[in-house]
């Protein structure tokens, strides 16, 4: 009987520690919007024009607007951002590397936004619910790191701790 009580107390302690850890982490997470990634005075491509950019025969990455720079305010901080997934690498259980983009179709159906509006996300735990049209929250360590892919030039990175569906 004592073994069962000790085991139950141990499990309750683990659950309490996990809850406390999530609470403490939630207090230190910075919620970012896409506009936060732009240097002061910079403008992103207006949403209304995203679908009207001419496609032609060039690769979409060739049509990427130049970036006006990146912000380093949140380097090394834990942030949470909403966006859409453009998969780069995956396993049989889910996506492990992707570009987080601000709107549906970026980098795939329309030219990519500037590098300061793209985030390369890596995760050790594959994200299984991959839908290109389903928004997600990504939480993790943020940084600036110019990265070049076949799809686009990217200005930011997040090492994801949590990826979860964005509530609609």
N, C-alpha and C. Protein backbone atom coordinates (compact mmCIF):
# COMPACT_ATOMS: atom_id res chain seq x y z
N UNK A 1 0.82 -1.19 0.00
CA UNK A 1 0.00 0.00 0.00
C UNK A 1 0.87 1.26 0.00
N UNK A 2 1.95 1.26 0.83
CA UNK A 2 2.83 2.43 0.87
C UNK A 2 3.46 2.68 -0.50
N UNK A 3 3.77 1.62 -1.23
CA UNK A 3 4.37 1.75 -2.56
C UNK A 3 3.43 2.46 -3.52
N UNK A 4 2.13 2.12 -3.43
CA UNK A 4 1.15 2.78 -4.29
C UNK A 4 1.00 4.24 -3.93
N UNK A 5 0.99 4.55 -2.65
CA UNK A 5 0.87 5.94 -2.21
C UNK A 5 2.09 6.73 -2.64
N UNK A 6 3.29 6.16 -2.44
CA UNK A 6 4.50 6.85 -2.85
C UNK A 6 4.52 7.09 -4.36
N UNK A 7 4.10 6.08 -5.11
CA UNK A 7 4.07 6.22 -6.57
C UNK A 7 3.08 7.31 -6.96
N UNK A 8 1.90 7.32 -6.34
CA UNK A 8 0.89 8.34 -6.64
C UNK A 8 1.42 9.73 -6.28
N UNK A 9 2.08 9.88 -5.15
CA UNK A 9 2.65 11.17 -4.74
C UNK A 9 3.74 11.60 -5.73
N UNK A 10 4.55 10.63 -6.15
CA UNK A 10 5.60 10.93 -7.12
C UNK A 10 5.00 11.44 -8.43
N UNK A 11 3.94 10.75 -8.93
CA UNK A 11 3.29 11.15 -10.18
C UNK A 11 2.61 12.51 -10.04
N UNK A 12 1.97 12.75 -8.89
CA UNK A 12 1.36 14.06 -8.66
C UNK A 12 2.43 15.15 -8.62
N UNK A 13 3.57 14.84 -8.02
CA UNK A 13 4.68 15.80 -7.98
C UNK A 13 5.20 16.11 -9.37
N UNK A 14 5.32 15.08 -10.21
CA UNK A 14 5.76 15.30 -11.59
C UNK A 14 4.77 16.17 -12.35
N UNK A 15 3.49 15.89 -12.17
CA UNK A 15 2.47 16.68 -12.86
C UNK A 15 2.51 18.13 -12.39
N UNK A 16 2.68 18.35 -11.09
CA UNK A 16 2.75 19.71 -10.56
C UNK A 16 3.98 20.42 -11.08
N UNK A 17 5.11 19.74 -11.14
CA UNK A 17 6.35 20.34 -11.65
C UNK A 17 6.20 20.70 -13.12
N UNK A 18 5.56 19.83 -13.90
CA UNK A 18 5.36 20.11 -15.32
C UNK A 18 4.46 21.33 -15.51
N UNK A 19 3.38 21.40 -14.71
CA UNK A 19 2.47 22.54 -14.79
C UNK A 19 3.19 23.82 -14.40
N UNK A 20 3.98 23.79 -13.33
CA UNK A 20 4.74 24.95 -12.89
C UNK A 20 5.73 25.38 -13.97
N UNK A 21 6.39 24.40 -14.59
CA UNK A 21 7.35 24.71 -15.65
C UNK A 21 6.69 25.39 -16.83
N UNK A 22 5.49 24.90 -17.22
CA UNK A 22 4.76 25.53 -18.32
C UNK A 22 4.32 26.93 -17.94
N UNK A 23 3.89 27.12 -16.69
CA UNK A 23 3.47 28.44 -16.24
C UNK A 23 4.63 29.41 -16.26
N UNK A 24 5.79 28.98 -15.75
CA UNK A 24 6.96 29.86 -15.74
C UNK A 24 7.40 30.17 -17.17
N UNK A 25 7.35 29.16 -18.03
CA UNK A 25 7.75 29.38 -19.41
C UNK A 25 6.78 30.35 -20.09
N UNK A 26 5.48 30.19 -19.84
CA UNK A 26 4.49 31.05 -20.47
C UNK A 26 4.73 32.51 -20.11
N UNK A 27 5.20 32.76 -18.87
CA UNK A 27 5.46 34.13 -18.45
C UNK A 27 6.64 34.74 -19.19
N UNK A 28 7.57 33.92 -19.67
CA UNK A 28 8.75 34.46 -20.32
C UNK A 28 8.68 34.39 -21.84
N UNK A 29 7.57 33.92 -22.39
CA UNK A 29 7.41 33.83 -23.84
C UNK A 29 6.91 35.17 -24.38
N UNK A 30 7.55 35.64 -25.45
CA UNK A 30 7.18 36.90 -26.08
C UNK A 30 6.36 36.59 -27.32
N UNK A 31 5.14 37.10 -27.38
CA UNK A 31 4.31 36.93 -28.58
C UNK A 31 4.73 37.95 -29.62
N UNK A 32 5.08 37.46 -30.81
CA UNK A 32 5.48 38.34 -31.91
C UNK A 32 4.46 38.29 -33.03
N UNK A 33 4.25 39.42 -33.65
CA UNK A 33 3.47 39.53 -34.87
C UNK A 33 4.45 39.70 -36.02
N UNK A 34 4.02 39.47 -37.24
CA UNK A 34 4.90 39.59 -38.39
C UNK A 34 5.44 41.00 -38.54
N UNK A 35 4.64 41.99 -38.21
CA UNK A 35 5.09 43.38 -38.32
C UNK A 35 6.23 43.68 -37.35
N UNK A 36 6.32 42.91 -36.25
CA UNK A 36 7.41 43.10 -35.28
C UNK A 36 8.77 42.78 -35.88
N UNK A 37 8.80 41.97 -36.94
CA UNK A 37 10.06 41.54 -37.55
C UNK A 37 10.64 42.58 -38.51
N UNK A 38 9.85 43.57 -38.85
CA UNK A 38 10.30 44.59 -39.78
C UNK A 38 11.07 45.69 -39.05
N UNK A 39 12.20 46.14 -39.61
CA UNK A 39 12.88 47.29 -39.02
C UNK A 39 11.94 48.50 -39.04
N UNK A 40 12.14 49.41 -38.11
CA UNK A 40 11.28 50.59 -38.03
C UNK A 40 11.24 51.32 -39.36
N UNK A 41 10.05 51.66 -39.80
CA UNK A 41 9.89 52.39 -41.05
C UNK A 41 9.77 51.51 -42.28
N UNK A 42 9.95 50.19 -42.14
CA UNK A 42 9.85 49.28 -43.28
C UNK A 42 8.41 48.83 -43.46
N UNK A 43 8.07 48.55 -44.71
CA UNK A 43 6.74 48.05 -45.02
C UNK A 43 6.86 46.69 -45.69
N UNK A 44 5.96 45.79 -45.34
CA UNK A 44 5.89 44.50 -46.02
C UNK A 44 5.00 44.67 -47.24
N UNK A 45 5.02 43.70 -48.14
CA UNK A 45 4.12 43.71 -49.29
C UNK A 45 2.69 43.68 -48.77
N UNK A 46 1.85 44.66 -49.14
CA UNK A 46 0.47 44.67 -48.61
C UNK A 46 -0.25 43.38 -48.96
N UNK A 47 -1.03 42.88 -48.02
CA UNK A 47 -1.73 41.62 -48.19
C UNK A 47 -2.60 41.62 -49.44
N UNK A 48 -3.23 42.76 -49.75
CA UNK A 48 -4.11 42.84 -50.90
C UNK A 48 -3.37 42.59 -52.22
N UNK A 49 -2.05 42.85 -52.25
CA UNK A 49 -1.29 42.70 -53.49
C UNK A 49 -0.62 41.34 -53.63
N UNK A 50 -0.64 40.54 -52.58
CA UNK A 50 0.11 39.28 -52.61
C UNK A 50 -0.31 38.37 -53.76
N UNK A 51 -1.59 38.34 -54.09
CA UNK A 51 -2.07 37.45 -55.14
C UNK A 51 -1.88 38.03 -56.53
N UNK A 52 -1.51 39.31 -56.63
CA UNK A 52 -1.44 39.97 -57.92
C UNK A 52 -0.02 40.16 -58.43
N UNK A 53 0.96 39.60 -57.75
CA UNK A 53 2.34 39.70 -58.20
C UNK A 53 2.50 38.82 -59.43
N UNK A 54 3.06 39.33 -60.54
CA UNK A 54 3.17 38.51 -61.75
C UNK A 54 4.09 37.32 -61.54
N UNK A 55 3.67 36.17 -62.07
CA UNK A 55 4.46 34.96 -61.88
C UNK A 55 5.44 34.72 -63.02
N UNK A 56 5.01 34.85 -64.27
CA UNK A 56 5.90 34.65 -65.41
C UNK A 56 6.57 33.29 -65.38
N UNK A 57 7.71 33.17 -66.04
CA UNK A 57 8.40 31.89 -66.11
C UNK A 57 9.58 31.82 -65.15
N UNK A 58 9.83 32.88 -64.39
CA UNK A 58 10.93 32.85 -63.42
C UNK A 58 10.57 31.98 -62.23
N UNK A 59 11.59 31.48 -61.55
CA UNK A 59 11.36 30.79 -60.29
C UNK A 59 10.79 31.80 -59.31
N UNK A 60 9.89 31.37 -58.44
CA UNK A 60 9.29 32.29 -57.48
C UNK A 60 10.34 32.94 -56.60
N UNK A 61 11.40 32.19 -56.24
CA UNK A 61 12.45 32.76 -55.39
C UNK A 61 13.15 33.93 -56.08
N UNK A 62 13.18 33.92 -57.42
CA UNK A 62 13.80 35.02 -58.16
C UNK A 62 12.99 36.30 -58.06
N UNK A 63 11.72 36.19 -57.69
CA UNK A 63 10.84 37.35 -57.59
C UNK A 63 10.74 37.88 -56.15
N UNK A 64 11.51 37.33 -55.24
CA UNK A 64 11.45 37.74 -53.85
C UNK A 64 11.90 39.20 -53.70
N UNK A 65 11.08 40.05 -53.06
CA UNK A 65 11.50 41.43 -52.83
C UNK A 65 12.71 41.48 -51.90
N UNK A 66 13.53 42.50 -52.05
CA UNK A 66 14.69 42.67 -51.17
C UNK A 66 14.24 42.97 -49.75
N UNK A 67 14.96 42.45 -48.80
CA UNK A 67 14.69 42.71 -47.40
C UNK A 67 15.30 44.04 -47.00
N UNK A 68 14.64 44.73 -46.08
CA UNK A 68 15.17 46.00 -45.59
C UNK A 68 15.95 45.82 -44.30
N UNK A 69 16.36 44.60 -44.01
CA UNK A 69 17.11 44.32 -42.79
C UNK A 69 16.29 43.51 -41.81
N UNK A 70 16.95 43.09 -40.74
CA UNK A 70 16.29 42.30 -39.70
C UNK A 70 16.43 43.01 -38.36
N UNK A 71 15.65 42.57 -37.41
CA UNK A 71 15.73 43.10 -36.05
C UNK A 71 16.34 42.06 -35.14
N UNK A 72 17.18 42.50 -34.23
CA UNK A 72 17.86 41.58 -33.31
C UNK A 72 17.32 41.68 -31.89
N UNK A 73 16.24 42.39 -31.71
CA UNK A 73 15.67 42.64 -30.37
C UNK A 73 15.38 41.36 -29.59
N UNK A 74 15.02 40.29 -30.28
CA UNK A 74 14.58 39.08 -29.59
C UNK A 74 15.56 37.92 -29.73
N UNK A 75 16.76 38.20 -30.20
CA UNK A 75 17.77 37.12 -30.32
C UNK A 75 17.99 36.47 -28.96
N UNK A 76 17.92 35.14 -28.93
CA UNK A 76 18.15 34.39 -27.70
C UNK A 76 16.95 34.34 -26.78
N UNK A 77 15.82 34.92 -27.18
CA UNK A 77 14.62 34.92 -26.34
C UNK A 77 13.65 33.86 -26.86
N UNK A 78 12.77 33.42 -25.97
CA UNK A 78 11.71 32.49 -26.36
C UNK A 78 10.53 33.30 -26.85
N UNK A 79 10.12 33.01 -28.10
CA UNK A 79 9.01 33.74 -28.70
C UNK A 79 7.94 32.76 -29.16
N UNK A 80 6.77 33.33 -29.44
CA UNK A 80 5.68 32.56 -30.02
C UNK A 80 5.14 33.36 -31.20
N UNK A 81 5.04 32.69 -32.36
CA UNK A 81 4.57 33.35 -33.58
C UNK A 81 3.54 32.50 -34.29
N UNK A 82 2.54 33.15 -34.90
CA UNK A 82 1.61 32.42 -35.75
C UNK A 82 2.12 32.40 -37.19
N UNK A 83 1.66 31.46 -37.97
CA UNK A 83 2.01 31.44 -39.39
C UNK A 83 1.58 30.15 -40.04
N UNK A 84 2.07 29.97 -41.27
CA UNK A 84 1.74 28.78 -42.06
C UNK A 84 3.04 28.04 -42.38
N UNK A 85 2.93 26.73 -42.53
CA UNK A 85 4.09 25.86 -42.74
C UNK A 85 4.35 25.63 -44.23
N UNK A 86 5.60 25.84 -44.63
CA UNK A 86 6.08 25.41 -45.94
C UNK A 86 7.17 24.39 -45.64
N UNK A 87 6.87 23.07 -45.79
CA UNK A 87 7.81 22.02 -45.39
C UNK A 87 9.11 22.06 -46.21
N UNK A 88 10.23 21.83 -45.51
CA UNK A 88 11.54 21.72 -46.14
C UNK A 88 12.08 20.30 -45.96
N UNK A 89 11.95 19.76 -44.73
CA UNK A 89 12.45 18.41 -44.44
C UNK A 89 11.47 17.73 -43.50
N UNK A 90 11.32 16.41 -43.67
CA UNK A 90 10.38 15.67 -42.84
C UNK A 90 10.83 14.23 -42.69
N UNK A 91 10.23 13.58 -41.72
CA UNK A 91 10.42 12.15 -41.52
C UNK A 91 9.07 11.49 -41.77
N UNK A 92 9.02 10.18 -41.57
CA UNK A 92 7.74 9.50 -41.76
C UNK A 92 6.71 9.91 -40.70
N UNK A 93 7.14 10.56 -39.63
CA UNK A 93 6.21 10.96 -38.57
C UNK A 93 5.83 12.43 -38.61
N UNK A 94 6.47 13.23 -39.45
CA UNK A 94 6.10 14.63 -39.52
C UNK A 94 7.22 15.52 -40.02
N UNK A 95 6.92 16.81 -40.10
CA UNK A 95 7.88 17.80 -40.60
C UNK A 95 8.87 18.18 -39.50
N UNK A 96 10.15 18.30 -39.87
CA UNK A 96 11.20 18.64 -38.90
C UNK A 96 11.86 19.99 -39.20
N UNK A 97 11.79 20.42 -40.45
CA UNK A 97 12.32 21.73 -40.85
C UNK A 97 11.31 22.35 -41.80
N UNK A 98 10.96 23.61 -41.53
CA UNK A 98 10.01 24.28 -42.41
C UNK A 98 10.22 25.79 -42.36
N UNK A 99 9.65 26.45 -43.36
CA UNK A 99 9.64 27.91 -43.36
C UNK A 99 8.30 28.33 -42.80
N UNK A 100 8.31 29.17 -41.78
CA UNK A 100 7.09 29.76 -41.24
C UNK A 100 6.83 31.03 -42.06
N UNK A 101 5.66 31.09 -42.68
CA UNK A 101 5.33 32.21 -43.55
C UNK A 101 4.07 32.91 -43.03
N UNK A 102 3.92 34.20 -43.37
CA UNK A 102 2.81 34.97 -42.81
C UNK A 102 1.46 34.77 -43.47
N UNK A 103 1.43 34.18 -44.67
CA UNK A 103 0.16 33.99 -45.35
C UNK A 103 0.20 32.72 -46.20
N UNK A 104 -0.98 32.20 -46.50
CA UNK A 104 -1.11 30.96 -47.26
C UNK A 104 -0.50 31.14 -48.65
N UNK A 105 0.27 30.15 -49.07
CA UNK A 105 0.81 30.14 -50.42
C UNK A 105 2.15 30.82 -50.59
N UNK A 106 2.61 31.54 -49.58
CA UNK A 106 3.91 32.21 -49.69
C UNK A 106 4.98 31.17 -49.97
N UNK A 107 5.85 31.44 -50.91
CA UNK A 107 6.96 30.57 -51.32
C UNK A 107 6.51 29.41 -52.20
N UNK A 108 5.21 29.20 -52.36
CA UNK A 108 4.75 28.08 -53.16
C UNK A 108 3.94 28.58 -54.36
N UNK A 109 2.87 29.32 -54.10
CA UNK A 109 1.99 29.77 -55.17
C UNK A 109 2.24 31.21 -55.58
N UNK A 110 2.86 31.98 -54.72
CA UNK A 110 3.19 33.38 -55.01
C UNK A 110 4.65 33.60 -54.62
N UNK A 111 5.27 34.64 -55.14
CA UNK A 111 6.66 34.89 -54.74
C UNK A 111 6.77 35.03 -53.22
N UNK A 112 7.92 34.65 -52.68
CA UNK A 112 8.09 34.75 -51.22
C UNK A 112 8.14 36.20 -50.77
N UNK A 113 7.75 36.44 -49.53
CA UNK A 113 7.91 37.77 -48.96
C UNK A 113 9.40 38.06 -48.74
N UNK A 114 9.75 39.28 -48.37
CA UNK A 114 11.16 39.57 -48.07
C UNK A 114 11.69 38.67 -46.97
N UNK A 115 13.01 38.53 -46.93
CA UNK A 115 13.65 37.65 -45.94
C UNK A 115 13.26 37.99 -44.51
N UNK A 116 12.99 39.28 -44.24
CA UNK A 116 12.62 39.65 -42.88
C UNK A 116 11.16 39.34 -42.55
N UNK A 117 10.51 38.61 -43.44
CA UNK A 117 9.15 38.14 -43.18
C UNK A 117 9.07 36.62 -43.29
N UNK A 118 10.23 35.95 -43.16
CA UNK A 118 10.29 34.49 -43.21
C UNK A 118 11.13 33.98 -42.05
N UNK A 119 10.69 32.84 -41.48
CA UNK A 119 11.39 32.25 -40.34
C UNK A 119 11.65 30.77 -40.65
N UNK A 120 12.91 30.36 -40.56
CA UNK A 120 13.25 28.94 -40.71
C UNK A 120 13.07 28.29 -39.34
N UNK A 121 12.24 27.26 -39.29
CA UNK A 121 11.93 26.58 -38.03
C UNK A 121 12.51 25.17 -38.08
N UNK A 122 13.23 24.81 -37.02
CA UNK A 122 13.71 23.44 -36.85
C UNK A 122 13.12 22.89 -35.56
N UNK A 123 12.85 21.60 -35.56
CA UNK A 123 12.29 20.98 -34.37
C UNK A 123 12.81 19.56 -34.24
N UNK A 124 13.12 19.17 -33.02
CA UNK A 124 13.58 17.81 -32.75
C UNK A 124 12.43 16.82 -32.70
N UNK A 125 11.23 17.33 -32.46
CA UNK A 125 10.04 16.49 -32.40
C UNK A 125 9.21 16.79 -33.65
N UNK A 126 9.15 15.87 -34.61
CA UNK A 126 8.41 16.13 -35.85
C UNK A 126 6.97 16.57 -35.57
N UNK A 127 6.53 17.58 -36.31
CA UNK A 127 5.16 18.06 -36.20
C UNK A 127 4.31 17.28 -37.19
N UNK A 128 3.32 16.56 -36.67
CA UNK A 128 2.55 15.63 -37.48
C UNK A 128 1.39 16.26 -38.24
N UNK A 129 0.77 17.27 -37.68
CA UNK A 129 -0.44 17.84 -38.29
C UNK A 129 -0.09 18.87 -39.35
N UNK A 130 0.62 18.44 -40.39
CA UNK A 130 1.07 19.37 -41.41
C UNK A 130 -0.02 19.58 -42.45
N UNK A 131 -0.51 20.80 -42.50
CA UNK A 131 -1.46 21.21 -43.53
C UNK A 131 -1.03 22.59 -43.99
N UNK A 132 -0.81 22.74 -45.28
CA UNK A 132 -0.33 24.02 -45.79
C UNK A 132 -1.33 25.14 -45.59
N UNK A 133 -2.56 24.80 -45.34
CA UNK A 133 -3.58 25.82 -45.19
C UNK A 133 -4.06 25.95 -43.74
N UNK A 134 -3.39 25.26 -42.83
CA UNK A 134 -3.74 25.31 -41.42
C UNK A 134 -2.71 26.14 -40.67
N UNK A 135 -3.13 27.22 -40.02
CA UNK A 135 -2.18 28.04 -39.27
C UNK A 135 -1.70 27.33 -38.00
N UNK A 136 -0.48 27.68 -37.58
CA UNK A 136 0.11 27.10 -36.37
C UNK A 136 0.69 28.20 -35.50
N UNK A 137 0.88 27.86 -34.24
CA UNK A 137 1.69 28.65 -33.31
C UNK A 137 3.02 27.93 -33.21
N UNK A 138 4.13 28.66 -33.29
CA UNK A 138 5.45 28.09 -33.09
C UNK A 138 6.07 28.82 -31.90
N UNK A 139 6.53 28.06 -30.93
CA UNK A 139 7.17 28.63 -29.74
C UNK A 139 8.57 28.05 -29.63
N UNK A 140 9.56 28.93 -29.45
CA UNK A 140 10.93 28.45 -29.31
C UNK A 140 11.93 29.59 -29.28
N UNK A 141 13.20 29.21 -29.27
CA UNK A 141 14.31 30.16 -29.22
C UNK A 141 14.44 30.86 -30.56
N UNK A 142 14.46 32.18 -30.53
CA UNK A 142 14.46 33.03 -31.73
C UNK A 142 15.84 33.58 -32.01
N UNK A 143 16.15 33.79 -33.28
CA UNK A 143 17.42 34.41 -33.64
C UNK A 143 17.41 34.92 -35.07
N UNK A 144 18.40 35.72 -35.39
CA UNK A 144 18.60 36.16 -36.77
C UNK A 144 19.69 35.30 -37.37
N UNK A 145 19.45 34.82 -38.56
CA UNK A 145 20.43 34.00 -39.24
C UNK A 145 20.08 33.95 -40.72
N UNK A 146 20.80 34.72 -41.54
CA UNK A 146 20.50 34.68 -42.97
C UNK A 146 20.68 33.25 -43.51
N UNK A 147 19.64 32.74 -44.14
CA UNK A 147 19.65 31.38 -44.67
C UNK A 147 19.11 31.41 -46.09
N UNK A 148 19.73 30.64 -46.96
CA UNK A 148 19.30 30.57 -48.34
C UNK A 148 18.77 29.17 -48.63
N UNK A 149 17.57 29.10 -49.18
CA UNK A 149 16.99 27.83 -49.62
C UNK A 149 16.60 27.97 -51.09
N UNK A 150 16.19 26.89 -51.71
CA UNK A 150 15.73 26.95 -53.09
C UNK A 150 14.46 27.79 -53.22
N UNK A 151 13.71 27.90 -52.13
CA UNK A 151 12.45 28.63 -52.17
C UNK A 151 12.60 30.11 -51.90
N UNK A 152 13.57 30.48 -51.03
CA UNK A 152 13.67 31.89 -50.64
C UNK A 152 14.90 32.14 -49.77
N UNK A 153 15.22 33.41 -49.65
CA UNK A 153 16.19 33.87 -48.65
C UNK A 153 15.40 34.10 -47.36
N UNK A 154 15.97 33.68 -46.23
CA UNK A 154 15.25 33.74 -44.94
C UNK A 154 16.10 34.52 -43.95
N UNK A 155 15.46 35.38 -43.16
CA UNK A 155 16.18 36.23 -42.23
C UNK A 155 16.22 35.76 -40.79
N UNK A 156 15.27 34.94 -40.38
CA UNK A 156 15.16 34.56 -38.98
C UNK A 156 15.09 33.04 -38.81
N UNK A 157 15.38 32.59 -37.59
CA UNK A 157 15.27 31.18 -37.24
C UNK A 157 14.59 31.02 -35.89
N UNK A 158 13.90 29.91 -35.73
CA UNK A 158 13.35 29.51 -34.43
C UNK A 158 13.67 28.04 -34.24
N UNK A 159 14.26 27.72 -33.11
CA UNK A 159 14.43 26.33 -32.69
C UNK A 159 13.20 26.01 -31.85
N UNK A 160 12.25 25.29 -32.44
CA UNK A 160 10.92 25.12 -31.85
C UNK A 160 10.91 24.14 -30.68
N UNK A 161 10.30 24.57 -29.60
CA UNK A 161 9.98 23.71 -28.47
C UNK A 161 8.57 23.17 -28.60
N UNK A 162 7.66 24.02 -29.12
CA UNK A 162 6.26 23.64 -29.27
C UNK A 162 5.76 24.12 -30.62
N UNK A 163 5.01 23.28 -31.28
CA UNK A 163 4.28 23.63 -32.49
C UNK A 163 2.86 23.12 -32.27
N UNK A 164 1.90 23.99 -32.41
CA UNK A 164 0.53 23.58 -32.16
C UNK A 164 -0.41 24.30 -33.12
N UNK A 165 -1.58 23.71 -33.39
CA UNK A 165 -2.53 24.38 -34.26
C UNK A 165 -2.92 25.74 -33.70
N UNK A 166 -3.06 26.70 -34.58
CA UNK A 166 -3.53 28.04 -34.22
C UNK A 166 -5.04 27.97 -34.14
N UNK A 167 -5.62 28.39 -33.02
CA UNK A 167 -7.08 28.29 -32.91
C UNK A 167 -7.78 29.25 -33.85
N UNK A 168 -8.70 28.73 -34.61
CA UNK A 168 -9.46 29.58 -35.54
C UNK A 168 -10.72 30.09 -34.92
